[in-house]
Amino acid sequence: MTGSKGKRRLHLDLTADAYRLLQKLADKSGQNRASVWRTGLALHDPVATATHSKQNLTVVEQNIL
């Protein structure tokens, strides 16, 4: 189903632990669960690319969620 802005709806089945973690991150960040999920997806590619290239990742500035 296409919504406004070309978005797509996705139905996910999460374990209870995964759901609790998603909710915890949303609560800590003041974002909704969908925003937390999108942020995780956005971070996945650079992390996976660096890991695949055997590069080290370092947090330079920490923003508390």
PDB file of N, CA and C in Angstrom:
ATOM      1  N   MET A   1       0.842  -1.172   0.000  1.00  0.00           N
ATOM      2  CA  MET A   1       0.000   0.000   0.000  1.00  0.00           C
ATOM      3  C   MET A   1       0.887   1.234   0.000  1.00  0.00           C
ATOM      4  N   THR A   2       0.596   2.160  -0.871  1.00  0.00           N
ATOM      5  CA  THR A   2       1.367   3.392  -0.956  1.00  0.00           C
ATOM      6  C   THR A   2       0.644   4.493  -0.209  1.00  0.00           C
ATOM      7  N   GLY A   3       1.327   5.124   0.697  1.00  0.00           N
ATOM      8  CA  GLY A   3       0.764   6.253   1.416  1.00  0.00           C
ATOM      9  C   GLY A   3       1.267   7.544   0.812  1.00  0.00           C
ATOM     10  N   SER A   4       1.008   8.651   1.480  1.00  0.00           N
ATOM     11  CA  SER A   4       1.555   9.910   1.018  1.00  0.00           C
ATOM     12  C   SER A   4       3.070   9.867   1.141  1.00  0.00           C
ATOM     13  N   LYS A   5       3.735  10.619   0.324  1.00  0.00           N
ATOM     14  CA  LYS A   5       5.199  10.681   0.317  1.00  0.00           C
ATOM     15  C   LYS A   5       5.839   9.365  -0.138  1.00  0.00           C
ATOM     16  N   GLY A   6       5.087   8.486  -0.783  1.00  0.00           N
ATOM     17  CA  GLY A   6       5.656   7.250  -1.296  1.00  0.00           C
ATOM     18  C   GLY A   6       6.062   6.246  -0.227  1.00  0.00           C
ATOM     19  N   LYS A   7       5.504   6.353   0.947  1.00  0.00           N
ATOM     20  CA  LYS A   7       5.849   5.422   2.020  1.00  0.00           C
ATOM     21  C   LYS A   7       5.147   4.091   1.815  1.00  0.00           C
ATOM     22  N   ARG A   8       5.712   3.055   2.379  1.00  0.00           N
ATOM     23  CA  ARG A   8       5.130   1.720   2.339  1.00  0.00           C
ATOM     24  C   ARG A   8       4.911   1.243   3.765  1.00  0.00           C
ATOM     25  N   ARG A   9       3.841   0.505   3.982  1.00  0.00           N
ATOM     26  CA  ARG A   9       3.547  -0.053   5.298  1.00  0.00           C
ATOM     27  C   ARG A   9       4.191  -1.426   5.391  1.00  0.00           C
ATOM     28  N   LEU A  10       4.754  -1.739   6.544  1.00  0.00           N
ATOM     29  CA  LEU A  10       5.427  -3.009   6.776  1.00  0.00           C
ATOM     30  C   LEU A  10       4.917  -3.608   8.074  1.00  0.00           C
ATOM     31  N   HIS A  11       4.519  -4.850   8.023  1.00  0.00           N
ATOM     32  CA  HIS A  11       4.061  -5.551   9.220  1.00  0.00           C
ATOM     33  C   HIS A  11       5.194  -6.459   9.680  1.00  0.00           C
ATOM     34  N   LEU A  12       5.580  -6.343  10.951  1.00  0.00           N
ATOM     35  CA  LEU A  12       6.678  -7.135  11.496  1.00  0.00           C
ATOM     36  C   LEU A  12       6.200  -7.931  12.701  1.00  0.00           C
ATOM     37  N   ASP A  13       6.691  -9.132  12.813  1.00  0.00           N
ATOM     38  CA  ASP A  13       6.493  -9.920  14.020  1.00  0.00           C
ATOM     39  C   ASP A  13       7.808  -9.902  14.787  1.00  0.00           C
ATOM     40  N   LEU A  14       7.800  -9.308  15.973  1.00  0.00           N
ATOM     41  CA  LEU A  14       8.996  -9.202  16.795  1.00  0.00           C
ATOM     42  C   LEU A  14       8.858 -10.102  18.011  1.00  0.00           C
ATOM     43  N   THR A  15       9.988 -10.576  18.493  1.00  0.00           N
ATOM     44  CA  THR A  15       9.966 -11.283  19.766  1.00  0.00           C
ATOM     45  C   THR A  15       9.628 -10.265  20.855  1.00  0.00           C
ATOM     46  N   ALA A  16       9.211 -10.755  21.993  1.00  0.00           N
ATOM     47  CA  ALA A  16       8.881  -9.859  23.104  1.00  0.00           C
ATOM     48  C   ALA A  16      10.101  -9.033  23.505  1.00  0.00           C
ATOM     49  N   ASP A  17      11.287  -9.657  23.510  1.00  0.00           N
ATOM     50  CA  ASP A  17      12.512  -8.933  23.870  1.00  0.00           C
ATOM     51  C   ASP A  17      12.828  -7.831  22.862  1.00  0.00           C
ATOM     52  N   ALA A  18      12.686  -8.132  21.578  1.00  0.00           N
ATOM     53  CA  ALA A  18      12.967  -7.136  20.540  1.00  0.00           C
ATOM     54  C   ALA A  18      11.981  -5.970  20.642  1.00  0.00           C
ATOM     55  N   TYR A  19      10.720  -6.282  20.901  1.00  0.00           N
ATOM     56  CA  TYR A  19       9.713  -5.234  21.037  1.00  0.00           C
ATOM     57  C   TYR A  19      10.009  -4.344  22.247  1.00  0.00           C
ATOM     58  N   ARG A  20      10.377  -4.966  23.366  1.00  0.00           N
ATOM     59  CA  ARG A  20      10.714  -4.186  24.567  1.00  0.00           C
ATOM     60  C   ARG A  20      11.909  -3.271  24.303  1.00  0.00           C
ATOM     61  N   LEU A  21      12.909  -3.776  23.603  1.00  0.00           N
ATOM     62  CA  LEU A  21      14.078  -2.952  23.288  1.00  0.00           C
ATOM     63  C   LEU A  21      13.688  -1.791  22.376  1.00  0.00           C
ATOM     64  N   LEU A  22      12.890  -2.065  21.364  1.00  0.00           N
ATOM     65  CA  LEU A  22      12.433  -1.009  20.465  1.00  0.00           C
ATOM     66  C   LEU A  22      11.663   0.057  21.236  1.00  0.00           C
ATOM     67  N   GLN A  23      10.784  -0.367  22.132  1.00  0.00           N
ATOM     68  CA  GLN A  23      10.013   0.582  22.930  1.00  0.00           C
ATOM     69  C   GLN A  23      10.909   1.359  23.886  1.00  0.00           C
ATOM     70  N   LYS A  24      11.890   0.685  24.488  1.00  0.00           N
ATOM     71  CA  LYS A  24      12.823   1.345  25.402  1.00  0.00           C
ATOM     72  C   LYS A  24      13.613   2.431  24.674  1.00  0.00           C
ATOM     73  N   LEU A  25      14.100   2.110  23.472  1.00  0.00           N
ATOM     74  CA  LEU A  25      14.849   3.093  22.688  1.00  0.00           C
ATOM     75  C   LEU A  25      13.951   4.261  22.283  1.00  0.00           C
ATOM     76  N   ALA A  26      12.715   3.968  21.939  1.00  0.00           N
ATOM     77  CA  ALA A  26      11.781   5.037  21.586  1.00  0.00           C
ATOM     78  C   ALA A  26      11.516   5.943  22.784  1.00  0.00           C
ATOM     79  N   ASP A  27      11.302   5.349  23.937  1.00  0.00           N
ATOM     80  CA  ASP A  27      11.056   6.139  25.149  1.00  0.00           C
ATOM     81  C   ASP A  27      12.247   7.014  25.497  1.00  0.00           C
ATOM     82  N   LYS A  28      13.457   6.433  25.420  1.00  0.00           N
ATOM     83  CA  LYS A  28      14.667   7.186  25.767  1.00  0.00           C
ATOM     84  C   LYS A  28      14.930   8.333  24.799  1.00  0.00           C
ATOM     85  N   SER A  29      14.586   8.133  23.529  1.00  0.00           N
ATOM     86  CA  SER A  29      14.901   9.138  22.517  1.00  0.00           C
ATOM     87  C   SER A  29      13.787  10.152  22.304  1.00  0.00           C
ATOM     88  N   GLY A  30      12.594   9.846  22.822  1.00  0.00           N
ATOM     89  CA  GLY A  30      11.467  10.736  22.587  1.00  0.00           C
ATOM     90  C   GLY A  30      10.896  10.592  21.181  1.00  0.00           C
ATOM     91  N   GLN A  31      11.288   9.544  20.494  1.00  0.00           N
ATOM     92  CA  GLN A  31      10.791   9.279  19.143  1.00  0.00           C
ATOM     93  C   GLN A  31       9.760   8.157  19.211  1.00  0.00           C
ATOM     94  N   ASN A  32       9.059   7.954  18.109  1.00  0.00           N
ATOM     95  CA  ASN A  32       8.159   6.811  18.068  1.00  0.00           C
ATOM     96  C   ASN A  32       8.940   5.585  17.579  1.00  0.00           C
ATOM     97  N   ARG A  33       8.317   4.423  17.682  1.00  0.00           N
ATOM     98  CA  ARG A  33       9.003   3.178  17.307  1.00  0.00           C
ATOM     99  C   ARG A  33       9.409   3.164  15.844  1.00  0.00           C
ATOM    100  N   ALA A  34       8.580   3.713  14.975  1.00  0.00           N
ATOM    101  CA  ALA A  34       8.909   3.741  13.546  1.00  0.00           C
ATOM    102  C   ALA A  34      10.170   4.563  13.284  1.00  0.00           C
ATOM    103  N   SER A  35      10.312   5.682  13.968  1.00  0.00           N
ATOM    104  CA  SER A  35      11.505   6.522  13.794  1.00  0.00           C
ATOM    105  C   SER A  35      12.760   5.811  14.286  1.00  0.00           C
ATOM    106  N   VAL A  36      12.630   5.113  15.410  1.00  0.00           N
ATOM    107  CA  VAL A  36      13.767   4.351  15.933  1.00  0.00           C
ATOM    108  C   VAL A  36      14.158   3.265  14.941  1.00  0.00           C
ATOM    109  N   TRP A  37      13.168   2.585  14.382  1.00  0.00           N
ATOM    110  CA  TRP A  37      13.426   1.524  13.394  1.00  0.00           C
ATOM    111  C   TRP A  37      14.133   2.091  12.172  1.00  0.00           C
ATOM    112  N   ARG A  38      13.654   3.248  11.669  1.00  0.00           N
ATOM    113  CA  ARG A  38      14.280   3.879  10.495  1.00  0.00           C
ATOM    114  C   ARG A  38      15.716   4.292  10.796  1.00  0.00           C
ATOM    115  N   THR A  39      15.962   4.803  12.002  1.00  0.00           N
ATOM    116  CA  THR A  39      17.322   5.187  12.381  1.00  0.00           C
ATOM    117  C   THR A  39      18.236   3.969  12.391  1.00  0.00           C
ATOM    118  N   GLY A  40      17.751   2.870  12.934  1.00  0.00           N
ATOM    119  CA  GLY A  40      18.537   1.637  12.940  1.00  0.00           C
ATOM    120  C   GLY A  40      18.866   1.162  11.539  1.00  0.00           C
ATOM    121  N   LEU A  41      17.901   1.242  10.644  1.00  0.00           N
ATOM    122  CA  LEU A  41      18.152   0.852   9.262  1.00  0.00           C
ATOM    123  C   LEU A  41      19.172   1.774   8.600  1.00  0.00           C
ATOM    124  N   ALA A  42      19.075   3.061   8.881  1.00  0.00           N
ATOM    125  CA  ALA A  42      20.018   4.018   8.305  1.00  0.00           C
ATOM    126  C   ALA A  42      21.438   3.762   8.788  1.00  0.00           C
ATOM    127  N   LEU A  43      21.585   3.328  10.024  1.00  0.00           N
ATOM    128  CA  LEU A  43      22.914   3.058  10.577  1.00  0.00           C
ATOM    129  C   LEU A  43      23.467   1.694  10.152  1.00  0.00           C
ATOM    130  N   HIS A  44      22.615   0.806   9.742  1.00  0.00           N
ATOM    131  CA  HIS A  44      23.050  -0.554   9.414  1.00  0.00           C
ATOM    132  C   HIS A  44      24.041  -0.589   8.254  1.00  0.00           C
ATOM    133  N   ASP A  45      23.768   0.116   7.171  1.00  0.00           N
ATOM    134  CA  ASP A  45      24.628   0.033   5.990  1.00  0.00           C
ATOM    135  C   ASP A  45      26.056   0.503   6.253  1.00  0.00           C
ATOM    136  N   PRO A  46      26.275   1.685   6.848  1.00  0.00           N
ATOM    137  CA  PRO A  46      27.669   2.080   7.098  1.00  0.00           C
ATOM    138  C   PRO A  46      28.386   1.145   8.075  1.00  0.00           C
ATOM    139  N   VAL A  47      27.673   0.636   9.058  1.00  0.00           N
ATOM    140  CA  VAL A  47      28.294  -0.288  10.013  1.00  0.00           C
ATOM    141  C   VAL A  47      28.647  -1.606   9.325  1.00  0.00           C
ATOM    142  N   ALA A  48      27.720  -2.128   8.532  1.00  0.00           N
ATOM    143  CA  ALA A  48      27.979  -3.383   7.823  1.00  0.00           C
ATOM    144  C   ALA A  48      29.123  -3.220   6.827  1.00  0.00           C
ATOM    145  N   THR A  49      29.161  -2.098   6.137  1.00  0.00           N
ATOM    146  CA  THR A  49      30.239  -1.840   5.174  1.00  0.00           C
ATOM    147  C   THR A  49      31.587  -1.782   5.877  1.00  0.00           C
ATOM    148  N   ALA A  50      31.661  -1.076   6.990  1.00  0.00           N
ATOM    149  CA  ALA A  50      32.917  -0.978   7.726  1.00  0.00           C
ATOM    150  C   ALA A  50      33.331  -2.329   8.282  1.00  0.00           C
ATOM    151  N   THR A  51      32.374  -3.067   8.799  1.00  0.00           N
ATOM    152  CA  THR A  51      32.668  -4.389   9.352  1.00  0.00           C
ATOM    153  C   THR A  51      33.179  -5.321   8.265  1.00  0.00           C
ATOM    154  N   HIS A  52      32.536  -5.294   7.115  1.00  0.00           N
ATOM    155  CA  HIS A  52      32.945  -6.139   5.997  1.00  0.00           C
ATOM    156  C   HIS A  52      34.360  -5.789   5.535  1.00  0.00           C
ATOM    157  N   SER A  53      34.699  -4.494   5.597  1.00  0.00           N
ATOM    158  CA  SER A  53      36.035  -4.033   5.193  1.00  0.00           C
ATOM    159  C   SER A  53      37.053  -4.156   6.317  1.00  0.00           C
ATOM    160  N   LYS A  54      36.622  -4.743   7.444  1.00  0.00           N
ATOM    161  CA  LYS A  54      37.475  -4.921   8.626  1.00  0.00           C
ATOM    162  C   LYS A  54      38.014  -3.593   9.143  1.00  0.00           C
ATOM    163  N   GLN A  55      37.187  -2.566   9.060  1.00  0.00           N
ATOM    164  CA  GLN A  55      37.534  -1.263   9.600  1.00  0.00           C
ATOM    165  C   GLN A  55      37.023  -1.166  11.028  1.00  0.00           C
ATOM    166  N   ASN A  56      37.662  -0.342  11.822  1.00  0.00           N
ATOM    167  CA  ASN A  56      37.222  -0.102  13.191  1.00  0.00           C
ATOM    168  C   ASN A  56      36.245   1.059  13.205  1.00  0.00           C
ATOM    169  N   LEU A  57      35.264   0.972  14.054  1.00  0.00           N
ATOM    170  CA  LEU A  57      34.303   2.058  14.238  1.00  0.00           C
ATOM    171  C   LEU A  57      34.505   2.652  15.617  1.00  0.00           C
ATOM    172  N   THR A  58      34.458   3.965  15.687  1.00  0.00           N
ATOM    173  CA  THR A  58      34.624   4.662  16.949  1.00  0.00           C
ATOM    174  C   THR A  58      33.534   5.714  17.079  1.00  0.00           C
ATOM    175  N   VAL A  59      32.956   5.814  18.256  1.00  0.00           N
ATOM    176  CA  VAL A  59      31.986   6.887  18.513  1.00  0.00           C
ATOM    177  C   VAL A  59      32.781   8.102  18.885  1.00  0.00           C
ATOM    178  N   VAL A  60      32.686   9.139  18.048  1.00  0.00           N
ATOM    179  CA  VAL A  60      33.468  10.350  18.266  1.00  0.00           C
ATOM    180  C   VAL A  60      32.748  11.271  19.228  1.00  0.00           C
ATOM    181  N   GLU A  61      31.468  11.436  19.035  1.00  0.00           N
ATOM    182  CA  GLU A  61      30.670  12.265  19.928  1.00  0.00           C
ATOM    183  C   GLU A  61      29.429  11.493  20.272  1.00  0.00           C
ATOM    184  N   GLN A  62      29.142  11.336  21.521  1.00  0.00           N
ATOM    185  CA  GLN A  62      28.004  10.539  21.947  1.00  0.00           C
ATOM    186  C   GLN A  62      26.807  11.430  22.217  1.00  0.00           C
ATOM    187  N   ASN A  63      25.722  11.140  21.529  1.00  0.00           N
ATOM    188  CA  ASN A  63      24.452  11.800  21.808  1.00  0.00           C
ATOM    189  C   ASN A  63      23.595  10.808  22.569  1.00  0.00           C
ATOM    190  N   ILE A  64      23.246  11.159  23.771  1.00  0.00           N
ATOM    191  CA  ILE A  64      22.439  10.259  24.599  1.00  0.00           C
ATOM    192  C   ILE A  64      21.026  10.233  24.047  1.00  0.00           C
ATOM    193  N   LEU A  65      20.542   9.018  23.797  1.00  0.00           N
ATOM    194  CA  LEU A  65      19.161   8.885  23.299  1.00  0.00           C
ATOM    195  C   LEU A  65      18.171   9.051  24.411  1.00  0.00           C
TER     196      LEU A  65
END
